[in-house]
């Protein structure tokens, strides 16, 4: 009898544990009125993560820097209902009424639209880019945003972002931005994802005259706020 009881107990425990295991490994889902679940509001600073070389077949493709935004507040419907609703109304994200992925948490979108991003160096890059002149025509901005998906009435799905033959992000509701800084348009800088899919700066393959550069990145927001950060970059 004890043996039978033990077997039944083991089966029950296995059943309970199986209920908690996500068999198909698909992310948990949350039903939400809004597609954007979090806003990153009122950022106060950012830093540029260590630059590294991305290689394909031993050839340097790009030097890549991640822009990590900090400070401010992460706004959700639960944490700050009034401000969240204000932002949802501003971006017309009020009638999604569908499931969103909740594990890992959905990417946060910047509450404040960006006006421009620019890059300068304290050293000469080449004859066309002496010290203290903009690199914006040769630095590529890479990011993601759900802005166009929301503007389409939650209808349009965007192809995966493919860079150098490699799919960086699969097809999703987030459209990929991959443009030179001089080519960026207003809608490219709206609702940029600030977490889990960080913004990137990709630098040119051609080696500069000087190997060492202290680059300064300036982010101007439409509300007049200006943030800057400096990072040392040493080319091989």
Protein backbone atom coordinates (compact mmCIF):
# COMPACT_ATOMS: atom_id res chain seq x y z
CA UNK A 1 0.00 0.00 0.00
CA UNK A 2 2.82 2.39 0.91
CA UNK A 3 4.49 1.53 -2.39
CA UNK A 4 1.32 2.35 -4.34
CA UNK A 5 0.92 5.61 -2.40
CA UNK A 6 4.53 6.54 -3.15
CA UNK A 7 4.04 5.88 -6.88
CA UNK A 8 0.87 7.99 -6.94
CA UNK A 9 2.65 10.79 -5.07
CA UNK A 10 5.52 10.76 -7.59
CA UNK A 11 3.05 10.87 -10.50
CA UNK A 12 1.23 13.80 -8.88
CA UNK A 13 4.46 15.73 -8.35
CA UNK A 14 5.50 15.10 -11.95
CA UNK A 15 2.10 16.32 -13.15
CA UNK A 16 2.38 19.50 -11.07
CA UNK A 17 5.89 20.19 -12.33
CA UNK A 18 4.82 19.58 -15.94
CA UNK A 19 2.09 22.16 -15.57
CA UNK A 20 4.73 24.73 -14.68
CA UNK A 21 7.10 23.82 -17.50
CA UNK A 22 6.62 25.58 -20.83
CA UNK A 23 6.87 22.50 -23.04
CA UNK A 24 7.28 24.33 -26.37
CA UNK A 25 9.66 26.91 -24.89
CA UNK A 26 7.46 29.73 -26.17
CA UNK A 27 7.51 32.94 -24.12
CA UNK A 28 4.76 33.63 -21.64
CA UNK A 29 2.10 35.96 -22.97
CA UNK A 30 0.24 38.88 -21.47
CA UNK A 31 -3.04 40.27 -22.70
CA UNK A 32 -2.73 44.03 -23.05
CA UNK A 33 -4.76 46.99 -24.23
CA UNK A 34 -1.49 48.60 -25.38
CA UNK A 35 1.29 47.13 -27.51
CA UNK A 36 3.97 49.06 -25.59
CA UNK A 37 4.10 47.63 -22.10
CA UNK A 38 6.86 49.87 -20.71
CA UNK A 39 8.12 53.36 -21.53
CA UNK A 40 11.60 54.56 -20.60
CA UNK A 41 10.80 58.11 -19.58
CA UNK A 42 12.97 61.14 -18.82
CA UNK A 43 16.39 59.51 -19.36
CA UNK A 44 19.18 61.51 -17.75
CA UNK A 45 22.37 59.96 -19.12
CA UNK A 46 23.84 57.31 -21.36
CA UNK A 47 27.13 55.54 -21.82
CA UNK A 48 28.80 53.93 -24.80
CA UNK A 49 29.63 50.29 -24.21
CA UNK A 50 33.11 49.06 -25.10
CA UNK A 51 33.54 49.06 -28.84
CA UNK A 52 34.38 45.78 -30.49
CA UNK A 53 35.12 44.50 -33.96
CA UNK A 54 32.61 42.25 -35.66
CA UNK A 55 34.42 39.87 -37.99
CA UNK A 56 33.33 37.70 -40.89
CA UNK A 57 35.97 35.37 -42.35
CA UNK A 58 38.64 37.27 -40.34
CA UNK A 59 37.74 40.54 -42.10
CA UNK A 60 36.63 43.39 -39.89
CA UNK A 61 33.12 44.34 -40.95
CA UNK A 62 32.34 47.12 -38.51
CA UNK A 63 33.27 48.49 -35.14
CA UNK A 64 30.14 48.48 -33.04
CA UNK A 65 29.15 50.58 -30.02
CA UNK A 66 26.03 50.06 -27.93
CA UNK A 67 24.21 53.14 -26.65
CA UNK A 68 22.93 52.35 -23.16
CA UNK A 69 20.45 54.89 -21.76
CA UNK A 70 20.06 55.31 -18.01
CA UNK A 71 18.25 57.31 -15.39
CA UNK A 72 14.68 58.46 -15.53
CA UNK A 73 11.78 56.10 -14.92
CA UNK A 74 10.33 52.93 -16.38
CA UNK A 75 6.64 53.68 -16.80
CA UNK A 76 3.95 51.02 -16.99
CA UNK A 77 0.19 51.01 -16.54
CA UNK A 78 0.73 49.61 -13.06
CA UNK A 79 3.59 51.84 -11.90
CA UNK A 80 2.31 55.21 -13.17
CA UNK A 81 -1.13 54.88 -14.69
CA UNK A 82 -1.63 58.60 -15.44
CA UNK A 83 1.69 59.13 -17.24
CA UNK A 84 1.40 55.79 -19.07
CA UNK A 85 -2.04 56.69 -20.42
CA UNK A 86 -0.77 60.12 -21.45
CA UNK A 87 2.01 58.48 -23.51
CA UNK A 88 -0.32 55.84 -24.94
CA UNK A 89 -2.67 58.59 -26.14
CA UNK A 90 0.27 60.58 -27.55
CA UNK A 91 1.43 57.64 -29.67
CA UNK A 92 -2.09 56.37 -30.43
CA UNK A 93 -1.34 53.04 -28.76
CA UNK A 94 -4.74 52.58 -27.15
CA UNK A 95 -6.49 49.73 -28.95
CA UNK A 96 -4.06 46.83 -29.39
CA UNK A 97 -6.16 44.45 -27.23
CA UNK A 98 -4.04 41.41 -27.94
CA UNK A 99 -1.27 39.29 -26.52
CA UNK A 100 2.28 40.53 -26.05
CA UNK A 101 5.31 38.55 -24.98
CA UNK A 102 5.94 38.88 -21.26
CA UNK A 103 8.93 36.63 -20.62
CA UNK A 104 11.47 38.10 -21.11
CA UNK A 105 9.83 41.51 -20.55
CA UNK A 106 8.84 43.38 -23.72
CA UNK A 107 11.43 45.91 -24.90
CA UNK A 108 10.98 49.36 -23.39
CA UNK A 109 10.38 52.19 -25.84
CA UNK A 110 11.75 55.67 -25.29
CA UNK A 111 8.97 58.01 -24.23
CA UNK A 112 10.82 61.06 -25.54
CA UNK A 113 11.36 61.28 -29.31
CA UNK A 114 14.93 61.97 -30.44
CA UNK A 115 15.68 64.82 -32.83
CA UNK A 116 19.20 63.81 -33.91
CA UNK A 117 22.29 61.75 -33.07
CA UNK A 118 25.77 62.92 -34.04
CA UNK A 119 29.38 61.74 -33.64
CA UNK A 120 32.65 63.70 -33.61
CA UNK A 121 36.26 62.81 -32.79
CA UNK A 122 39.21 64.72 -31.36
CA UNK A 123 41.52 63.31 -34.07
CA UNK A 124 41.64 63.24 -37.87
CA UNK A 125 39.88 60.29 -39.47
CA UNK A 126 40.73 61.10 -43.07
CA UNK A 127 41.03 64.18 -45.26
CA UNK A 128 37.26 64.56 -45.42
CA UNK A 129 36.87 64.16 -41.65
CA UNK A 130 39.48 66.18 -39.75
CA UNK A 131 39.35 66.49 -35.98
CA UNK A 132 36.16 67.99 -34.48
CA UNK A 133 34.08 67.45 -37.64
CA UNK A 134 30.98 65.29 -37.83
CA UNK A 135 31.25 61.60 -38.70
CA UNK A 136 27.52 61.42 -39.38
CA UNK A 137 27.91 60.59 -43.08
CA UNK A 138 29.97 57.46 -42.34
CA UNK A 139 28.52 56.14 -39.04
CA UNK A 140 25.49 53.84 -39.30
CA UNK A 141 22.69 53.87 -36.72
CA UNK A 142 21.07 50.50 -36.01
CA UNK A 143 17.93 50.25 -33.86
CA UNK A 144 14.36 48.94 -33.62
CA UNK A 145 11.01 50.62 -33.11
CA UNK A 146 7.33 49.59 -32.99
CA UNK A 147 6.26 53.07 -34.16
CA UNK A 148 5.29 52.07 -37.71
CA UNK A 149 3.42 49.00 -36.48
CA UNK A 150 1.32 51.13 -34.15
CA UNK A 151 0.78 53.77 -36.85
CA UNK A 152 -0.51 51.04 -39.21
CA UNK A 153 -3.26 50.18 -36.75
CA UNK A 154 -1.30 47.15 -35.53
CA UNK A 155 -1.40 45.55 -39.00
CA UNK A 156 2.02 45.81 -40.64
CA UNK A 157 4.70 43.22 -39.93
CA UNK A 158 8.29 44.02 -40.86
CA UNK A 159 10.96 41.75 -42.33
CA UNK A 160 13.94 40.79 -40.23
CA UNK A 161 16.88 43.16 -40.22
CA UNK A 162 19.63 41.57 -42.34
CA UNK A 163 23.16 42.95 -42.07
CA UNK A 164 26.00 41.51 -44.15
CA UNK A 165 23.86 38.48 -44.95
CA UNK A 166 23.08 37.78 -41.28
CA UNK A 167 19.56 38.17 -39.86
CA UNK A 168 19.93 40.28 -36.73
CA UNK A 169 16.24 40.25 -35.82
CA UNK A 170 13.48 38.02 -37.24
CA UNK A 171 10.22 39.23 -38.75
CA UNK A 172 8.24 41.10 -36.11
CA UNK A 173 6.21 44.18 -35.23
CA UNK A 174 9.46 46.10 -34.82
CA UNK A 175 10.83 47.76 -37.93
CA UNK A 176 14.60 47.83 -38.15
CA UNK A 177 16.48 51.08 -38.70
CA UNK A 178 19.84 50.72 -40.44
CA UNK A 179 20.88 54.10 -41.85
CA UNK A 180 23.71 56.58 -41.84
CA UNK A 181 23.16 59.26 -39.21
CA UNK A 182 22.69 61.85 -41.97
CA UNK A 183 19.83 59.78 -43.48
CA UNK A 184 17.72 59.45 -40.33
CA UNK A 185 14.18 60.75 -40.58
CA UNK A 186 11.82 61.85 -37.81
CA UNK A 187 9.88 58.58 -37.71
CA UNK A 188 13.14 56.60 -37.44
CA UNK A 189 13.76 58.15 -34.02
CA UNK A 190 10.31 57.61 -32.50
CA UNK A 191 9.68 54.98 -29.81
CA UNK A 192 13.16 53.51 -30.12
CA UNK A 193 13.67 50.40 -28.03
CA UNK A 194 15.99 51.18 -25.15
CA UNK A 195 16.31 47.80 -23.45
CA UNK A 196 16.88 44.21 -24.67
CA UNK A 197 17.42 45.52 -28.21
CA UNK A 198 19.84 48.40 -27.56
CA UNK A 199 20.70 51.04 -30.12
CA UNK A 200 23.99 50.60 -31.98
CA UNK A 201 26.50 52.76 -33.80
CA UNK A 202 28.48 51.01 -36.53
CA UNK A 203 31.73 52.57 -37.67
CA UNK A 204 33.33 52.26 -41.12
CA UNK A 205 35.61 49.42 -42.19
CA UNK A 206 38.24 51.71 -43.71
CA UNK A 207 41.04 52.32 -41.22
CA UNK A 208 41.62 55.98 -40.27
CA UNK A 209 44.78 58.08 -40.45
CA UNK A 210 45.05 58.06 -36.65
CA UNK A 211 44.40 54.84 -34.76
CA UNK A 212 43.25 56.45 -31.51
CA UNK A 213 40.10 58.54 -31.24
CA UNK A 214 38.06 59.96 -28.40
CA UNK A 215 34.61 60.02 -29.92
CA UNK A 216 31.80 62.12 -28.51
CA UNK A 217 28.21 61.08 -29.19
CA UNK A 218 25.50 63.73 -28.83
CA UNK A 219 21.81 62.88 -28.59
CA UNK A 220 19.37 65.77 -29.01
CA UNK A 221 15.76 65.24 -27.99
CA UNK A 222 12.78 67.05 -29.49
CA UNK A 223 11.96 68.57 -26.09
CA UNK A 224 15.33 70.39 -26.10
CA UNK A 225 17.27 68.03 -23.84
CA UNK A 226 20.84 67.26 -24.94
CA UNK A 227 22.91 64.33 -23.65
CA UNK A 228 26.54 63.58 -24.51
CA UNK A 229 29.00 60.78 -23.80
CA UNK A 230 32.64 60.22 -24.78
CA UNK A 231 34.44 56.93 -25.46
CA UNK A 232 37.97 56.05 -26.50
CA UNK A 233 38.21 54.05 -29.72
CA UNK A 234 41.47 52.45 -30.87
CA UNK A 235 41.54 51.06 -34.40
CA UNK A 236 43.94 48.14 -35.12
